[in-house]
Amino acid sequence: MGNIHYMDHPLIQHKVTLMRETGTGAKEFRELVSEVATLMCYEATRDLPLKEVEIETPICATKSKVISGRKLAVVPILRAGLGMVEGMLSLVPAAKVGHIGLYRDHETLQPVEYFCKLPDDVSERDIIVVDPMCATGNSAIDAIRLLKEKGVKHIKFLCIIAAPEGLEALSKAHPDVNVWVGCLDEKLNDVGYIVPGLGDAGDRIFGTK
C-alpha cells in the first residue's frame, strides 16, 4: 500500500503510549491527541509548495520562502476528529475547518452520516481529513467519498491509530489518497474495536464514558 505513511517518531510513540493507558484522564487525553495531531501535521504538510518573496530583515533585504498560495482545510470526522483540530490549526492557523458527522452502527459496523458542513470553496482546497482511529476504515472511506462528490481533488487522511483491516479497506477504496498513521496496531476484535487500541476515542476525549 504505497499511499500509506507510517510515523515512527519517538515523540509520537511516547504520547500514544500515554493515550493508551486506562488511567489517563480526559483532560490529559485531549492534550495528547492535540499534541500528536500537531506532530503528524508537520509531516503531512512536508510537500506544500514554496515560493520566494522579498523581505526586509533588521540587517538587509533578502529573498526567503513562504507557502505558495495553497489553500487548506481541515475536516474532522465527528466527533472524535474534533480532538485533532486544535493541534492542526496550531501549525496552519489560516486553514478553514469543515465537519463531517458520522456514527458507527453497532449492528452493521457501517457509518451513518448525520451532518456535513464544509467551506463554500471546498473544491478549491487541499483537504486533510482527521480521525484519531481507523478501525474498519468505513468512516474514512465514506467521508472521503463525500468530499470527492463535492469536487475535492486533493485529499489526505490522518489517523493516530489504525488497524490493518481498516487501512487495507481505505487504500483499496481510495488508492489516490495519501494516509498518515501514527501507530499500526494488531487487529480488530469481533466487535470492530482496534486491539490493543485505546478504547473509544470520542468517549475518552469528551469524558462521556
Protein backbone atom coordinates (compact mmCIF):
# COMPACT_ATOMS: atom_id res chain seq x y z
CA MET A 1 0.00 0.00 0.00
CA GLY A 2 2.19 2.77 -1.35
CA ASN A 3 -0.15 5.53 -0.22
CA ILE A 4 0.24 4.66 3.48
CA HIS A 5 2.86 6.56 5.51
CA TYR A 6 3.79 5.29 8.97
CA MET A 7 5.21 7.71 11.53
CA ASP A 8 7.80 6.28 13.87
CA HIS A 9 8.88 9.50 15.58
CA PRO A 10 9.75 8.83 19.24
CA LEU A 11 7.54 11.67 20.48
CA ILE A 12 4.51 10.23 18.69
CA GLN A 13 5.19 6.74 20.02
CA HIS A 14 5.64 8.06 23.57
CA LYS A 15 2.47 10.14 23.54
CA VAL A 16 0.39 7.33 22.03
CA THR A 17 1.54 5.03 24.84
CA LEU A 18 0.27 7.57 27.37
CA MET A 19 -3.03 7.78 25.46
CA ARG A 20 -3.48 4.02 25.63
CA GLU A 21 -3.20 3.90 29.43
CA THR A 22 -6.53 3.26 31.13
CA GLY A 23 -5.63 5.71 33.89
CA THR A 24 -5.13 8.67 31.53
CA GLY A 25 -7.96 11.12 32.26
CA ALA A 26 -9.98 13.13 29.75
CA LYS A 27 -8.00 16.37 30.15
CA GLU A 28 -4.63 14.72 29.59
CA PHE A 29 -6.05 12.55 26.81
CA ARG A 30 -7.33 15.63 24.94
CA GLU A 31 -3.96 17.32 25.30
CA LEU A 32 -2.14 14.25 23.98
CA VAL A 33 -4.46 13.93 20.98
CA SER A 34 -3.85 17.57 20.11
CA GLU A 35 -0.06 17.24 20.53
CA VAL A 36 0.11 14.13 18.34
CA ALA A 37 -2.03 15.86 15.72
CA THR A 38 0.48 18.74 15.62
CA LEU A 39 3.39 16.34 15.11
CA MET A 40 1.52 14.48 12.37
CA CYS A 41 0.51 17.72 10.66
CA TYR A 42 4.18 18.71 10.49
CA GLU A 43 4.98 15.56 8.49
CA ALA A 44 1.83 15.51 6.37
CA THR A 45 2.40 19.07 5.10
CA ARG A 46 6.01 18.43 4.08
CA ASP A 47 5.03 18.55 0.39
CA LEU A 48 3.48 22.04 0.46
CA PRO A 49 4.89 24.13 -2.40
CA LEU A 50 7.01 27.18 -1.67
CA LYS A 51 7.75 30.45 -3.45
CA GLU A 52 10.39 33.12 -2.92
CA VAL A 53 9.44 36.56 -1.68
CA GLU A 54 11.47 39.66 -0.96
CA ILE A 55 11.53 40.80 2.67
CA GLU A 56 13.43 43.20 4.90
CA THR A 57 15.27 41.81 7.91
CA PRO A 58 16.74 44.18 10.54
CA ILE A 59 20.03 43.73 8.67
CA CYS A 60 19.23 43.85 4.97
CA ALA A 61 16.84 43.00 2.14
CA THR A 62 16.74 39.32 1.23
CA LYS A 63 14.75 36.65 -0.51
CA SER A 64 13.06 33.99 1.57
CA LYS A 65 10.42 31.31 1.14
CA VAL A 66 6.73 31.17 2.05
CA ILE A 67 3.98 28.68 1.29
CA SER A 68 2.85 29.23 -2.28
CA GLY A 69 -0.82 30.11 -2.02
CA ARG A 70 -2.02 26.58 -1.21
CA LYS A 71 -5.43 26.79 0.43
CA LEU A 72 -6.00 24.18 3.12
CA ALA A 73 -8.99 22.91 5.06
CA VAL A 74 -9.07 20.51 8.00
CA VAL A 75 -12.13 18.26 8.09
CA PRO A 76 -12.61 16.25 11.28
CA ILE A 77 -14.90 13.24 11.29
CA LEU A 78 -17.21 13.92 14.22
CA ARG A 79 -16.99 13.57 16.99
CA ALA A 80 -13.56 12.20 17.87
CA GLY A 81 -11.88 14.05 14.99
CA LEU A 82 -12.59 17.33 16.78
CA GLY A 83 -9.83 16.44 19.21
CA MET A 84 -7.22 16.78 16.45
CA VAL A 85 -8.34 20.14 15.04
CA GLU A 86 -6.63 22.48 17.51
CA GLY A 87 -3.31 20.69 17.05
CA MET A 88 -3.58 21.02 13.29
CA LEU A 89 -4.52 24.70 13.42
CA SER A 90 -1.55 25.47 15.67
CA LEU A 91 0.62 24.92 12.57
CA VAL A 92 -1.78 26.08 9.83
CA PRO A 93 -3.95 28.74 11.53
CA ALA A 94 -5.27 30.09 8.22
CA ALA A 95 -6.84 26.74 7.29
CA LYS A 96 -10.62 26.58 7.20
CA VAL A 97 -12.46 23.87 9.11
CA GLY A 98 -15.30 21.72 7.81
CA HIS A 99 -17.17 19.00 9.67
CA ILE A 100 -18.49 15.60 8.65
CA GLY A 101 -20.69 13.81 11.17
CA LEU A 102 -20.68 10.03 11.06
CA TYR A 103 -21.51 7.43 13.67
CA ARG A 104 -20.95 3.72 13.55
CA ASP A 105 -23.98 1.45 13.56
CA HIS A 106 -23.01 -1.13 16.17
CA GLU A 107 -25.04 -3.81 14.40
CA THR A 108 -23.57 -3.43 10.92
CA LEU A 109 -20.32 -1.55 11.79
CA GLN A 110 -21.17 0.76 8.86
CA PRO A 111 -21.01 4.58 9.09
CA VAL A 112 -24.23 6.59 9.18
CA GLU A 113 -24.00 10.23 8.05
CA TYR A 114 -25.84 12.78 10.18
CA PHE A 115 -24.06 16.09 9.49
CA CYS A 116 -21.96 17.75 6.79
CA LYS A 117 -20.83 21.39 6.77
CA LEU A 118 -17.93 22.34 4.51
CA PRO A 119 -16.31 25.61 3.33
CA ASP A 120 -18.04 27.08 0.26
CA ASP A 121 -14.81 26.79 -1.74
CA VAL A 122 -14.05 23.24 -0.58
CA SER A 123 -13.44 22.02 -4.14
CA GLU A 124 -10.57 24.53 -4.49
CA ARG A 125 -8.80 23.45 -1.28
CA ASP A 126 -6.42 20.73 -0.23
CA ILE A 127 -8.31 18.78 2.41
CA ILE A 128 -6.85 16.99 5.42
CA VAL A 129 -9.41 14.62 6.92
CA VAL A 130 -8.66 13.73 10.55
CA ASP A 131 -9.92 11.00 12.88
CA PRO A 132 -7.93 9.55 15.79
CA MET A 133 -8.87 5.96 14.91
CA CYS A 134 -9.11 3.98 11.69
CA ALA A 135 -10.73 0.70 12.70
CA THR A 136 -12.85 -0.79 9.90
CA GLY A 137 -11.96 2.19 7.70
CA ASN A 138 -15.62 2.67 6.80
CA SER A 139 -15.99 6.17 8.27
CA ALA A 140 -12.88 7.43 6.48
CA ILE A 141 -13.98 5.79 3.22
CA ASP A 142 -17.42 7.41 3.45
CA ALA A 143 -16.08 10.86 4.41
CA ILE A 144 -13.59 10.86 1.55
CA ARG A 145 -16.26 9.69 -0.90
CA LEU A 146 -18.47 12.58 0.20
CA LEU A 147 -15.64 15.07 -0.35
CA LYS A 148 -14.94 13.69 -3.81
CA GLU A 149 -18.63 14.09 -4.65
CA LYS A 150 -18.21 17.77 -3.68
CA GLY A 151 -15.46 18.12 -6.28
CA VAL A 152 -12.42 17.91 -3.98
CA LYS A 153 -9.34 16.74 -5.87
CA HIS A 154 -6.60 16.72 -3.21
CA ILE A 155 -7.30 14.79 0.00
CA LYS A 156 -5.11 13.43 2.79
CA PHE A 157 -6.20 11.35 5.76
CA LEU A 158 -4.54 11.42 9.20
CA CYS A 159 -5.23 8.93 11.98
CA ILE A 160 -3.34 8.31 15.20
CA ILE A 161 -4.03 4.56 15.50
CA ALA A 162 -5.11 2.16 12.75
CA ALA A 163 -5.94 -1.49 12.31
CA PRO A 164 -4.53 -3.36 9.28
CA GLU A 165 -8.04 -4.24 8.13
CA GLY A 166 -9.09 -0.59 8.07
CA LEU A 167 -6.02 0.59 6.21
CA GLU A 168 -6.43 -2.14 3.61
CA ALA A 169 -10.07 -1.22 3.03
CA LEU A 170 -9.27 2.50 2.86
CA SER A 171 -6.36 2.01 0.47
CA LYS A 172 -8.48 -0.18 -1.79
CA ALA A 173 -11.40 2.27 -1.84
CA HIS A 174 -9.27 5.41 -2.30
CA PRO A 175 -5.82 4.49 -3.66
CA ASP A 176 -5.27 8.14 -4.66
CA VAL A 177 -5.50 9.40 -1.07
CA ASN A 178 -2.31 9.58 0.99
CA VAL A 179 -2.76 8.30 4.53
CA TRP A 180 -0.59 9.15 7.56
CA VAL A 181 -0.70 6.74 10.51
CA GLY A 182 0.76 7.30 13.98
CA CYS A 183 0.68 3.64 15.07
CA LEU A 184 -0.34 0.46 13.30
CA ASP A 185 -2.00 -1.92 15.76
CA GLU A 186 -2.51 -5.67 15.67
CA LYS A 187 -6.09 -6.28 14.52
CA LEU A 188 -9.80 -5.68 15.04
CA ASN A 189 -11.70 -7.66 17.64
CA ASP A 190 -15.08 -9.28 16.99
CA VAL A 191 -16.99 -6.06 17.71
CA GLY A 192 -14.83 -3.88 15.47
CA TYR A 193 -12.55 -2.26 18.06
CA ILE A 194 -8.81 -1.91 17.48
CA VAL A 195 -6.55 -4.23 19.51
CA PRO A 196 -4.72 -3.17 21.65
CA GLY A 197 -6.08 0.28 20.76
CA LEU A 198 -7.22 2.70 23.43
CA GLY A 199 -10.98 2.18 23.64
CA ASP A 200 -13.46 4.69 22.25
CA ALA A 201 -11.51 7.85 21.39
CA GLY A 202 -14.61 10.06 21.41
CA ASP A 203 -15.64 8.93 24.87
CA ARG A 204 -12.12 9.46 26.20
CA ILE A 205 -11.76 12.92 24.62
CA PHE A 206 -15.09 14.20 25.93
CA GLY A 207 -15.26 12.20 29.16
CA THR A 208 -18.59 10.63 28.24
CA LYS A 209 -17.82 7.14 29.45
